[in-house]
Amino acid sequence: MGDLFNSVYDISLDLRTNAEEEKDKEKNVEMVQDTRDFSRGADVAELRFIGFLNHGDVAVEGSLIDFSALTLTAVLQNFIAQCAKWHSRRKILTSAFHFNILQQFVEILIEEGENMTKSLKDTGGTIVKDLLPFVSEYTLNAICETAMGTSLQGLGAFQQRYRKAVQEMGEILIYRLMRQWLRNNWIFSLMPKGRQQTQALKILHGFTEQIIAERKLYHERTNDQYLKSHVSTDNIETYGCQRKRLALLDLLIAVSREGLLTDSDIREEVDTFMFEGHDTTAMGICFTLLLLAEHKDIQDRVRDEINIALQESEQKFTMKVLQNLSYLDRCLKESLRLYPSVYFISRITSEDVKLQSYLIPTGTLIHLNIYGVHRDPNFWPNPEVFDPDRFLSEKIQNRHPYSYLPFSAGPRNCIGQRFALLEMKAMIAPIIHNFYLEPVDYLENLRLKIDLVLRPTHPIRVRFVPIKEAHKII
């Protein structure tokens, strides 16, 4: 949500050597004598500390999530090379989120949204759900099919192993991040978590490599006609192969035909999308559903908007219907303001940055507290109040462009933010259309924990009441 995709986890570590750290101490002691929270008060009034987000040469960042190696040392050693790689990859991946491509992806998102609603209907009657495990099952299905063209639903017991491996990798990354002595790969490999990571990666990489091989074989048998016509996929002869849906993987394979990506590169990008694309969106959906459950008036207004839009489309969700849900769109943006899935990002300065009376030297790791900025009363009156109309066009015009950063900003902003918002709409709209939401757990009692995404320490439950059943009672 967050980088939903390739910059959702813009998290870096200051991995300088001891000698470099000692060398910097004397210079830094006069420049920055304390660790300040620049997300509050007058310092944030001009948000100068975020201004460098918009300058590609001033701020760069590394990622802890490197599925090709997944070692902190490798991140450091390849940092400069990865910056160059990032620029070339970003250019390649941008085409995957062209409007015409998104239209085809939306078919999958709508299907998964309807599957999620159907699972509630099939249970029968009123049901209480712990939102995160419930929602993440369908967001992982959606990202799996859009990224790899393969649904997890048809894979039997393996889908549970795959889901578990994805979840374990997130937990291992945080575990290692918080323990500096585990940066050493040899030490980490001897630890139970290191062995657990090896097994998880074996499952993740093995699945991705298998799908890549199958897709490449499919395209060889169809003489690459599907790749050549990936924007318009009508009337493509399949030479006896089952016709497959367009996926991000297909676009990457098409690029690899030009020699710009290796199989390892393709796996790395697909794994990154898989890992980053489902959890952030799932949390965004969970918090939005909980907010709507607690604000019945806003929930009713969203439902009215959805009902009107469906009347004009023969009761079918389409790309056009989702685009016309402007009030739901504002609800999503306000939900992401209060509960940004990616609540902080980091940047390493590549040149000195002047911040009022402070000088931030080159090579400094800067953490940007998005959660704090989103609740700063200098920009958001009554910041704790859920008010979707904050995002009316007339109110957005005079707001500082960096006061709202759910998808980061600048050159390394989230490449999949339009995809993410469409997915959230596609998942939420069918539920609101078919169910009344009532809170079981309240946000005032919410406790959060340190994780790669904003995550509660406890279940957050909502009661789903079928609308038809409620009308019968009335």
Protein backbone atom coordinates (compact mmCIF):
# COMPACT_ATOMS: atom_id res chain seq x y z
CA MET A 1 0.00 0.00 0.00
CA GLY A 2 3.16 0.47 -0.06
CA ASP A 3 5.28 0.74 -1.96
CA LEU A 4 2.55 -1.19 -2.48
CA PHE A 5 5.09 -2.72 -4.61
CA ASN A 6 8.69 -1.92 -5.39
CA SER A 7 9.02 0.88 -2.86
CA VAL A 8 6.47 -0.19 -0.26
CA TYR A 9 9.27 -1.43 1.96
CA ASP A 10 11.73 1.44 1.46
CA ILE A 11 13.57 0.39 4.60
CA SER A 12 17.31 0.74 4.92
CA LEU A 13 19.98 -0.03 7.48
CA ASP A 14 22.99 2.12 8.27
CA LEU A 15 25.58 -0.53 7.43
CA ARG A 16 28.70 1.59 7.54
CA THR A 17 31.92 0.10 8.86
CA ASN A 18 33.19 0.95 12.34
CA ALA A 19 35.93 3.13 10.86
CA GLU A 20 33.41 5.12 8.85
CA GLU A 21 31.20 5.52 11.90
CA GLU A 22 34.08 6.81 14.02
CA LYS A 23 35.07 9.20 11.26
CA ASP A 24 31.55 10.59 11.09
CA LYS A 25 31.09 11.01 14.83
CA GLU A 26 33.09 14.24 15.14
CA LYS A 27 31.34 15.79 12.15
CA ASN A 28 27.88 14.71 13.26
CA VAL A 29 28.17 15.72 16.89
CA GLU A 30 28.01 19.42 16.00
CA MET A 31 25.56 19.04 13.16
CA VAL A 32 22.97 16.80 14.79
CA GLN A 33 23.36 16.40 18.52
CA ASP A 34 20.11 14.59 19.18
CA THR A 35 17.63 12.31 17.50
CA ARG A 36 14.67 14.52 16.75
CA ASP A 37 11.14 13.64 15.76
CA PHE A 38 10.63 16.03 12.86
CA SER A 39 7.10 14.80 12.29
CA ARG A 40 5.61 17.20 14.81
CA GLY A 41 5.40 20.93 15.38
CA ALA A 42 7.09 23.79 13.56
CA ASP A 43 9.82 21.64 12.05
CA VAL A 44 7.30 19.90 9.87
CA ALA A 45 5.49 23.11 8.94
CA GLU A 46 7.42 23.31 5.68
CA LEU A 47 8.27 19.62 5.51
CA ARG A 48 11.72 20.45 4.25
CA PHE A 49 13.01 17.16 5.55
CA ILE A 50 10.77 15.40 3.07
CA GLY A 51 11.51 17.73 0.18
CA PHE A 52 14.40 15.62 -1.03
CA LEU A 53 11.94 12.81 -1.83
CA ASN A 54 11.28 14.59 -5.06
CA HIS A 55 14.94 14.68 -6.10
CA GLY A 56 16.22 11.43 -7.53
CA ASP A 57 19.88 12.25 -6.94
CA VAL A 58 19.54 13.44 -3.36
CA ALA A 59 17.94 10.40 -1.79
CA VAL A 60 18.43 6.76 -2.47
CA GLU A 61 17.50 3.76 -0.44
CA GLY A 62 18.28 0.09 -0.13
CA SER A 63 15.83 -2.66 0.55
CA LEU A 64 16.08 -5.44 3.09
CA ILE A 65 13.81 -7.53 0.90
CA ASP A 66 16.17 -8.95 -1.69
CA PHE A 67 14.89 -12.40 -2.63
CA SER A 68 17.86 -13.02 -4.92
CA ALA A 69 20.17 -13.08 -1.91
CA LEU A 70 18.15 -11.97 1.11
CA THR A 71 21.24 -11.04 3.10
CA LEU A 72 21.92 -7.71 4.71
CA THR A 73 25.55 -7.85 3.61
CA ALA A 74 24.51 -8.35 0.01
CA VAL A 75 22.30 -5.28 0.25
CA LEU A 76 25.30 -3.21 1.32
CA GLN A 77 27.75 -4.68 -1.18
CA ASN A 78 25.38 -4.24 -4.09
CA PHE A 79 23.90 -0.93 -2.99
CA ILE A 80 25.30 1.23 -5.80
CA ALA A 81 24.67 -1.46 -8.40
CA GLN A 82 21.11 -1.87 -7.14
CA CYS A 83 20.42 1.85 -7.55
CA ALA A 84 21.32 1.57 -11.23
CA LYS A 85 19.33 -1.65 -11.47
CA TRP A 86 16.35 0.01 -9.83
CA HIS A 87 16.25 2.76 -12.47
CA SER A 88 16.29 0.27 -15.35
CA ARG A 89 13.76 -2.03 -13.67
CA ARG A 90 11.42 0.84 -12.86
CA LYS A 91 11.38 1.83 -16.51
CA ILE A 92 10.55 -1.74 -17.53
CA LEU A 93 7.87 -2.25 -14.89
CA THR A 94 6.06 1.02 -15.58
CA SER A 95 4.47 -0.52 -18.67
CA ALA A 96 2.92 -3.21 -16.50
CA PHE A 97 0.71 -0.57 -14.90
CA HIS A 98 -0.46 1.08 -18.10
CA PHE A 99 -4.21 1.72 -18.05
CA ASN A 100 -4.92 -1.00 -20.65
CA ILE A 101 -3.01 -3.56 -18.60
CA LEU A 102 -4.74 -2.51 -15.39
CA GLN A 103 -8.09 -3.11 -17.06
CA GLN A 104 -7.20 -6.77 -17.50
CA PHE A 105 -5.83 -7.04 -13.98
CA VAL A 106 -9.07 -5.57 -12.62
CA GLU A 107 -11.01 -8.58 -13.90
CA ILE A 108 -8.98 -10.73 -11.49
CA LEU A 109 -9.39 -8.25 -8.63
CA ILE A 110 -13.17 -8.14 -9.09
CA GLU A 111 -13.31 -11.94 -9.22
CA GLU A 112 -11.38 -12.26 -5.94
CA GLY A 113 -13.57 -9.59 -4.33
CA GLU A 114 -16.67 -11.54 -5.31
CA ASN A 115 -15.07 -14.77 -4.05
CA MET A 116 -14.47 -13.14 -0.69
CA THR A 117 -18.08 -11.99 -0.48
CA LYS A 118 -19.32 -15.41 -1.61
CA SER A 119 -17.39 -17.10 1.19
CA LEU A 120 -19.32 -14.98 3.69
CA LYS A 121 -22.62 -15.74 1.99
CA ASP A 122 -21.91 -19.47 1.91
CA THR A 123 -21.47 -19.51 5.67
CA GLY A 124 -25.07 -18.38 6.00
CA GLY A 125 -26.47 -15.75 8.33
CA THR A 126 -24.54 -13.30 10.47
CA ILE A 127 -20.85 -14.07 10.91
CA VAL A 128 -17.94 -12.60 12.87
CA LYS A 129 -14.54 -12.61 11.17
CA ASP A 130 -11.01 -11.84 12.30
CA LEU A 131 -10.27 -9.53 9.39
CA LEU A 132 -6.56 -9.98 8.71
CA PRO A 133 -6.37 -13.75 8.04
CA PHE A 134 -9.69 -13.57 6.21
CA VAL A 135 -8.79 -10.67 3.90
CA SER A 136 -5.15 -11.63 3.29
CA GLU A 137 -6.22 -14.98 1.82
CA TYR A 138 -7.92 -13.15 -1.05
CA THR A 139 -5.35 -10.39 -1.51
CA LEU A 140 -2.65 -13.08 -1.81
CA ASN A 141 -4.80 -14.92 -4.36
CA ALA A 142 -5.22 -11.68 -6.31
CA ILE A 143 -1.55 -10.76 -6.37
CA CYS A 144 -0.56 -14.35 -7.18
CA GLU A 145 -2.81 -14.42 -10.23
CA THR A 146 -1.94 -10.92 -11.43
CA ALA A 147 1.80 -11.43 -10.87
CA MET A 148 2.14 -15.04 -12.02
CA GLY A 149 -1.12 -15.89 -13.77
CA THR A 150 -1.71 -18.78 -11.35
CA SER A 151 -4.38 -19.06 -8.70
CA LEU A 152 -3.40 -20.54 -5.35
CA GLN A 153 -6.91 -21.94 -4.95
CA GLY A 154 -6.25 -24.82 -7.29
CA LEU A 155 -3.03 -25.95 -5.63
CA GLY A 156 -4.45 -27.94 -2.75
CA ALA A 157 -2.27 -28.28 0.36
CA PHE A 158 0.60 -26.40 -1.29
CA GLN A 159 -1.27 -23.10 -1.08
CA GLN A 160 -1.15 -23.29 2.72
CA ARG A 161 2.60 -23.97 2.65
CA TYR A 162 3.11 -21.05 0.31
CA ARG A 163 1.02 -18.69 2.46
CA LYS A 164 2.91 -19.82 5.54
CA ALA A 165 6.26 -19.24 3.82
CA VAL A 166 5.27 -15.70 2.83
CA GLN A 167 4.20 -14.95 6.40
CA GLU A 168 7.36 -16.50 7.87
CA MET A 169 9.62 -14.38 5.65
CA GLY A 170 8.03 -11.19 6.97
CA GLU A 171 8.52 -12.33 10.56
CA ILE A 172 12.12 -13.39 9.92
CA LEU A 173 13.00 -10.06 8.33
CA ILE A 174 11.76 -8.15 11.37
CA TYR A 175 13.46 -10.62 13.73
CA ARG A 176 16.79 -10.10 11.96
CA LEU A 177 16.36 -6.36 11.58
CA MET A 178 16.03 -5.95 15.35
CA ARG A 179 19.13 -8.05 16.16
CA GLN A 180 22.30 -6.45 14.87
CA TRP A 181 24.49 -9.49 15.56
CA LEU A 182 22.45 -11.49 13.05
CA ARG A 183 23.68 -9.33 10.16
CA ASN A 184 26.52 -11.82 9.84
CA ASN A 185 25.30 -14.42 7.36
CA TRP A 186 27.34 -17.28 8.81
CA ILE A 187 26.03 -16.69 12.34
CA PHE A 188 22.48 -16.33 11.05
CA SER A 189 22.74 -19.56 9.05
CA LEU A 190 23.46 -21.46 12.27
CA MET A 191 20.40 -20.09 14.04
CA PRO A 192 16.96 -21.78 13.95
CA LYS A 193 15.60 -18.68 12.18
CA GLY A 194 18.31 -19.00 9.55
CA ARG A 195 17.33 -22.60 8.83
CA GLN A 196 13.68 -21.57 8.83
CA GLN A 197 14.48 -18.87 6.25
CA THR A 198 16.25 -21.40 4.03
CA GLN A 199 13.18 -23.64 4.03
CA ALA A 200 10.80 -20.75 3.39
CA LEU A 201 12.90 -19.48 0.49
CA LYS A 202 13.04 -22.97 -0.97
CA ILE A 203 9.23 -23.00 -1.12
CA LEU A 204 8.94 -19.43 -2.46
CA HIS A 205 11.71 -19.66 -5.04
CA GLY A 206 10.75 -23.16 -6.10
CA PHE A 207 7.16 -22.16 -6.81
CA THR A 208 8.15 -19.04 -8.73
CA GLU A 209 10.76 -20.88 -10.80
CA GLN A 210 8.23 -23.59 -11.67
CA ILE A 211 5.65 -21.03 -12.82
CA ILE A 212 8.27 -19.14 -14.85
CA ALA A 213 9.29 -22.36 -16.61
CA GLU A 214 5.67 -23.26 -17.35
CA ARG A 215 4.84 -19.80 -18.70
CA LYS A 216 7.93 -19.73 -20.89
CA LEU A 217 7.06 -23.17 -22.28
CA TYR A 218 3.52 -21.95 -22.97
CA HIS A 219 4.83 -18.96 -24.91
CA GLU A 220 7.25 -21.13 -26.88
CA ARG A 221 4.39 -23.41 -27.92
CA THR A 222 2.26 -20.43 -28.98
CA ASN A 223 5.18 -18.90 -30.88
CA ASP A 224 5.12 -15.87 -28.55
CA GLN A 225 1.87 -14.63 -30.12
CA TYR A 226 0.39 -13.97 -26.69
CA LEU A 227 3.41 -11.89 -25.71
CA LYS A 228 3.28 -9.88 -28.91
CA SER A 229 -0.39 -9.12 -28.32
CA HIS A 230 -0.42 -8.75 -24.55
CA VAL A 231 -2.49 -5.57 -24.60
CA SER A 232 -5.18 -7.04 -26.87
CA THR A 233 -5.53 -10.74 -26.17
CA ASP A 234 -8.46 -11.56 -28.44
CA ASN A 235 -8.30 -14.16 -31.20
CA ILE A 236 -5.00 -15.70 -30.18
CA GLU A 237 -4.55 -19.29 -31.31
CA THR A 238 -3.21 -21.42 -28.48
CA TYR A 239 -1.96 -24.53 -30.33
CA GLY A 240 -3.67 -26.93 -27.96
CA CYS A 241 -2.54 -25.14 -24.81
CA GLN A 242 -5.02 -23.80 -22.32
CA ARG A 243 -5.36 -20.06 -22.84
CA LYS A 244 -3.83 -18.13 -19.94
CA ARG A 245 -4.66 -14.79 -18.39
CA LEU A 246 -2.31 -11.87 -18.77
CA ALA A 247 0.07 -11.55 -15.82
CA LEU A 248 2.99 -9.38 -14.81
CA LEU A 249 5.16 -12.41 -15.47
CA ASP A 250 4.17 -12.37 -19.15
CA LEU A 251 5.32 -8.78 -19.49
CA LEU A 252 8.64 -9.62 -17.83
CA ILE A 253 9.12 -12.62 -20.13
CA ALA A 254 8.45 -10.36 -23.11
CA VAL A 255 11.19 -8.01 -21.91
CA SER A 256 13.56 -10.95 -21.33
CA ARG A 257 13.18 -11.85 -25.00
CA GLU A 258 15.01 -8.58 -25.70
CA GLY A 259 17.86 -9.59 -23.41
CA LEU A 260 17.04 -7.03 -20.72
CA LEU A 261 16.18 -9.51 -17.95
CA THR A 262 17.47 -12.94 -16.93
CA ASP A 263 15.36 -15.69 -15.37
CA SER A 264 16.85 -14.72 -12.02
CA ASP A 265 15.79 -11.10 -12.60
CA ILE A 266 12.27 -12.21 -13.44
CA ARG A 267 12.02 -14.33 -10.30
CA GLU A 268 13.30 -11.46 -8.19
CA GLU A 269 10.67 -9.04 -9.50
CA VAL A 270 7.79 -11.54 -9.24
CA ASP A 271 8.80 -12.51 -5.69
CA THR A 272 9.00 -8.85 -4.73
CA PHE A 273 5.52 -8.16 -6.04
CA MET A 274 4.17 -11.26 -4.33
CA PHE A 275 5.76 -10.40 -1.02
CA GLU A 276 5.01 -6.70 -0.98
CA GLY A 277 1.73 -6.61 -2.83
CA HIS A 278 -0.63 -8.62 -0.68
CA ASP A 279 0.05 -7.72 2.95
CA THR A 280 -0.02 -3.94 2.53
CA THR A 281 -3.30 -4.07 0.63
CA ALA A 282 -4.79 -6.52 3.13
CA MET A 283 -4.04 -4.17 6.05
CA GLY A 284 -5.52 -1.23 4.14
CA ILE A 285 -8.73 -3.19 3.51
CA CYS A 286 -8.91 -4.35 7.15
CA PHE A 287 -8.62 -0.85 8.60
CA THR A 288 -11.12 0.54 6.08
CA LEU A 289 -13.70 -2.14 6.93
CA LEU A 290 -13.23 -1.48 10.64
CA LEU A 291 -13.61 2.28 10.17
CA LEU A 292 -16.75 1.81 8.10
CA ALA A 293 -18.14 -0.56 10.74
CA GLU A 294 -17.63 2.12 13.39
CA HIS A 295 -19.12 4.91 11.24
CA LYS A 296 -22.55 3.71 10.12
CA ASP A 297 -23.47 7.00 8.43
CA ILE A 298 -20.39 6.86 6.22
CA GLN A 299 -20.92 3.14 5.56
CA ASP A 300 -24.50 3.83 4.43
CA ARG A 301 -23.35 6.59 2.11
CA VAL A 302 -20.75 4.24 0.54
CA ARG A 303 -23.47 1.59 0.09
CA ASP A 304 -25.81 4.07 -1.60
CA GLU A 305 -23.04 5.07 -4.02
CA ILE A 306 -22.31 1.42 -4.85
CA ASN A 307 -26.00 0.61 -5.38
CA ILE A 308 -26.45 3.52 -7.77
CA ALA A 309 -23.33 2.57 -9.73
CA LEU A 310 -24.47 -1.07 -10.03
CA GLN A 311 -27.92 -0.05 -11.27
CA GLU A 312 -26.20 1.59 -14.22
CA SER A 313 -24.10 -1.51 -15.02
CA GLU A 314 -26.65 -4.33 -14.82
CA GLN A 315 -25.52 -5.22 -11.27
CA LYS A 316 -22.00 -6.12 -12.42
CA PHE A 317 -18.78 -4.70 -11.07
CA THR A 318 -16.52 -3.35 -13.81
CA MET A 319 -13.51 -1.07 -14.12
CA LYS A 320 -15.88 1.82 -14.87
CA VAL A 321 -18.01 1.09 -11.80
CA LEU A 322 -14.94 1.06 -9.54
CA GLN A 323 -13.67 4.31 -11.06
CA ASN A 324 -17.03 5.97 -10.41
CA LEU A 325 -17.01 5.17 -6.68
CA SER A 326 -15.60 8.57 -5.73
CA TYR A 327 -16.85 8.57 -2.14
CA LEU A 328 -15.42 5.10 -1.48
CA ASP A 329 -12.19 6.40 -2.99
CA ARG A 330 -12.14 9.23 -0.43
CA CYS A 331 -12.85 6.74 2.36
CA LEU A 332 -9.87 4.65 1.28
CA LYS A 333 -7.59 7.68 1.20
CA GLU A 334 -8.74 8.80 4.63
CA SER A 335 -8.26 5.28 5.98
CA LEU A 336 -4.71 5.27 4.59
CA ARG A 337 -4.12 8.63 6.24
CA LEU A 338 -5.08 7.30 9.67
CA TYR A 339 -3.56 3.86 9.21
CA PRO A 340 -0.92 3.91 6.45
CA SER A 341 0.13 0.35 5.70
CA VAL A 342 3.71 1.53 5.33
CA TYR A 343 4.02 3.83 8.31
CA PHE A 344 7.64 4.87 7.79
CA ILE A 345 10.18 4.85 4.99
CA SER A 346 13.88 5.53 4.96
CA ARG A 347 16.28 7.34 2.69
CA ILE A 348 20.06 7.71 2.66
CA THR A 349 21.19 11.18 1.65
CA SER A 350 23.65 11.31 -1.25
CA GLU A 351 24.49 14.96 -0.54
CA ASP A 352 24.29 17.36 2.39
CA VAL A 353 20.76 18.54 3.15
CA LYS A 354 20.07 21.75 5.09
CA LEU A 355 17.13 21.44 7.48
CA GLN A 356 16.55 24.80 9.13
CA SER A 357 19.42 25.04 11.67
CA TYR A 358 20.51 21.45 11.10
CA LEU A 359 22.82 20.09 8.46
CA ILE A 360 22.17 16.48 7.55
CA PRO A 361 25.43 15.15 6.10
CA THR A 362 25.85 12.89 3.10
CA GLY A 363 25.33 9.21 3.90
CA THR A 364 22.88 9.81 6.74
CA LEU A 365 19.99 7.40 7.15
CA ILE A 366 16.75 9.41 7.36
CA HIS A 367 13.58 7.81 8.70
CA LEU A 368 10.38 9.53 7.61
CA ASN A 369 7.55 9.08 10.10
CA ILE A 370 4.56 8.89 7.77
CA TYR A 371 2.20 7.91 10.58
CA GLY A 372 3.16 11.08 12.48
CA VAL A 373 2.90 13.38 9.47
CA HIS A 374 -0.57 12.01 8.66
CA ARG A 375 -1.78 12.99 12.13
CA ASP A 376 -0.10 16.38 12.36
CA PRO A 377 -2.72 19.06 13.25
CA ASN A 378 -0.74 21.62 11.23
CA PHE A 379 -2.11 19.88 8.14
CA TRP A 380 -5.04 17.84 9.42
CA PRO A 381 -7.54 19.60 11.72
CA ASN A 382 -8.95 17.12 14.26
CA PRO A 383 -6.50 14.53 12.93
CA GLU A 384 -7.98 11.59 14.88
CA VAL A 385 -11.41 12.00 13.24
CA PHE A 386 -12.33 9.81 10.27
CA ASP A 387 -13.50 12.33 7.66
CA PRO A 388 -13.40 11.21 3.99
CA ASP A 389 -14.33 14.71 2.82
CA ARG A 390 -10.79 15.83 3.65
CA PHE A 391 -10.07 14.51 0.18
CA LEU A 392 -12.56 16.62 -1.73
CA SER A 393 -10.72 18.28 -4.63
CA GLU A 394 -11.15 21.77 -3.22
CA LYS A 395 -9.54 20.71 0.08
CA ILE A 396 -6.63 18.93 -1.55
CA GLN A 397 -5.58 21.94 -3.63
CA ASN A 398 -4.10 23.99 -0.80
CA ARG A 399 -2.60 21.10 1.16
CA HIS A 400 1.14 20.54 1.22
CA PRO A 401 1.97 17.80 -1.35
CA TYR A 402 4.12 15.95 1.19
CA SER A 403 1.60 15.98 4.02
CA TYR A 404 0.08 12.76 2.63
CA LEU A 405 2.45 9.92 1.80
CA PRO A 406 0.72 6.51 1.93
CA PHE A 407 2.55 5.51 -1.25
CA SER A 408 5.76 7.44 -0.61
CA ALA A 409 6.61 10.26 -3.05
CA GLY A 410 9.10 11.32 -5.68
CA PRO A 411 10.89 9.02 -8.15
CA ARG A 412 10.68 6.03 -5.78
CA ASN A 413 6.99 6.29 -5.04
CA CYS A 414 4.84 3.18 -5.18
CA ILE A 415 4.61 1.97 -8.74
CA GLY A 416 1.45 0.02 -7.95
CA GLN A 417 -0.61 2.62 -6.14
CA ARG A 418 -3.38 2.74 -8.76
CA PHE A 419 -3.47 -1.06 -8.73
CA ALA A 420 -3.68 -1.05 -4.93
CA LEU A 421 -6.59 1.39 -4.77
CA LEU A 422 -8.46 -0.56 -7.45
CA GLU A 423 -7.89 -3.79 -5.54
CA MET A 424 -9.15 -2.25 -2.31
CA LYS A 425 -12.27 -1.01 -4.07
CA ALA A 426 -12.84 -4.37 -5.78
CA MET A 427 -12.60 -6.20 -2.44
CA ILE A 428 -14.61 -3.78 -0.31
CA ALA A 429 -17.44 -2.78 -2.67
CA PRO A 430 -19.09 -6.25 -2.96
CA ILE A 431 -18.98 -6.70 0.81
CA ILE A 432 -20.65 -3.33 1.51
CA HIS A 433 -23.22 -4.08 -1.20
CA ASN A 434 -24.21 -7.37 0.47
CA PHE A 435 -23.53 -6.88 4.19
CA TYR A 436 -23.96 -4.42 7.01
CA LEU A 437 -20.76 -4.09 9.01
CA GLU A 438 -20.81 -3.89 12.81
CA PRO A 439 -17.71 -3.53 15.00
CA VAL A 440 -16.73 -6.23 17.47
CA ASP A 441 -13.28 -4.84 18.28
CA TYR A 442 -12.90 -1.07 18.39
CA LEU A 443 -10.07 1.07 17.08
CA GLU A 444 -9.88 2.97 20.36
CA ASN A 445 -8.50 -0.25 21.88
CA LEU A 446 -6.09 -0.87 19.00
CA ARG A 447 -2.52 -1.87 19.87
CA LEU A 448 0.08 -1.88 17.11
CA LYS A 449 3.40 -3.70 16.84
CA ILE A 450 6.64 -3.16 14.96
CA ASP A 451 6.46 -4.93 11.63
CA LEU A 452 7.13 -4.24 7.97
CA VAL A 453 3.57 -2.97 7.77
CA LEU A 454 1.24 -1.37 10.31
CA ARG A 455 -0.14 -4.41 12.08
CA PRO A 456 -2.29 -4.97 15.20
CA THR A 457 -1.05 -7.20 18.02
CA HIS A 458 -4.48 -8.76 18.39
CA PRO A 459 -7.45 -9.82 16.26
CA ILE A 460 -9.60 -7.04 14.78
CA ARG A 461 -13.05 -8.48 14.27
CA VAL A 462 -16.10 -7.26 12.38
CA ARG A 463 -19.63 -8.68 12.33
CA PHE A 464 -21.06 -9.19 8.84
CA VAL A 465 -24.86 -9.03 8.74
CA PRO A 466 -26.47 -10.06 5.43
CA ILE A 467 -28.58 -7.18 4.13
CA LYS A 468 -31.40 -9.45 2.95
CA GLU A 469 -31.57 -11.13 6.33
CA ALA A 470 -31.64 -7.77 8.12
CA HIS A 471 -34.52 -6.63 5.90
CA LYS A 472 -36.50 -9.77 6.77
CA ILE A 473 -36.16 -9.01 10.47
CA ILE A 474 -37.32 -5.45 9.90
